Amino acid sequence: LLLLQARFLENRSERVRRFNVVALAEEFAYALHNELDYTREGRNAERFRRHFAEDPRLLIAKVHWPLTTRRVLVSEELKGYKINEVARLRADGYDLAAIARMGTEIYMQQIFADGYFHADPHPANLFVVGQQLALIDFGTVGYLNDTLKDQLVDLLVVSNAILGLALA
């Protein structure tokens, strides 16, 4: 429906055509289609699980392949705290700064070292389980080649320099 509406609007408005809303709708449709294929999501989860198998900081649920299809994903249950349950984490003695540091280190590794990252990091997908960070929902992942990783590092270095000048 969104794609039909985008085509309708682009066919009738020069202003809308400048924003290339059909291409945006097509990209959204592609991403949504991929996210709704649970075998793809399961493969993404398994890739992360294998890659981080030796990292005690990260927990990724095991996919139960005999029960998983394109429309159903079955994995082990992870019980913990949502990352935004700050009061509960604090009340149970968790070091919030250590959790934040651990999450940041894991994401920096994914983005800058691996070039393959969990691309949907919101509180419903990030948990604290014991002393580990747990990730779920691998329907959307991102990829960065070496050139893009270098450009992102350059952007961060320049941004940091500008921020430093602005604060000086």
Foldseek 3Di string as FASTA:
>chain_A
DQLVVLVVVCVPDPVSVVVVSNVVVVVVVVLVLLLLQVVNLLVLLVVVCVVCVVPPAEDGWHWPVVPDGRHDTDTDDADFAQLPPVVVCVVVPHDNVVVVVSVVVVQCCCVQVVQKAQDDDDRVQWGCGPNHIYGDRSSDMGGDDNVRSVVVVVVVVVVVVVVVVVVD
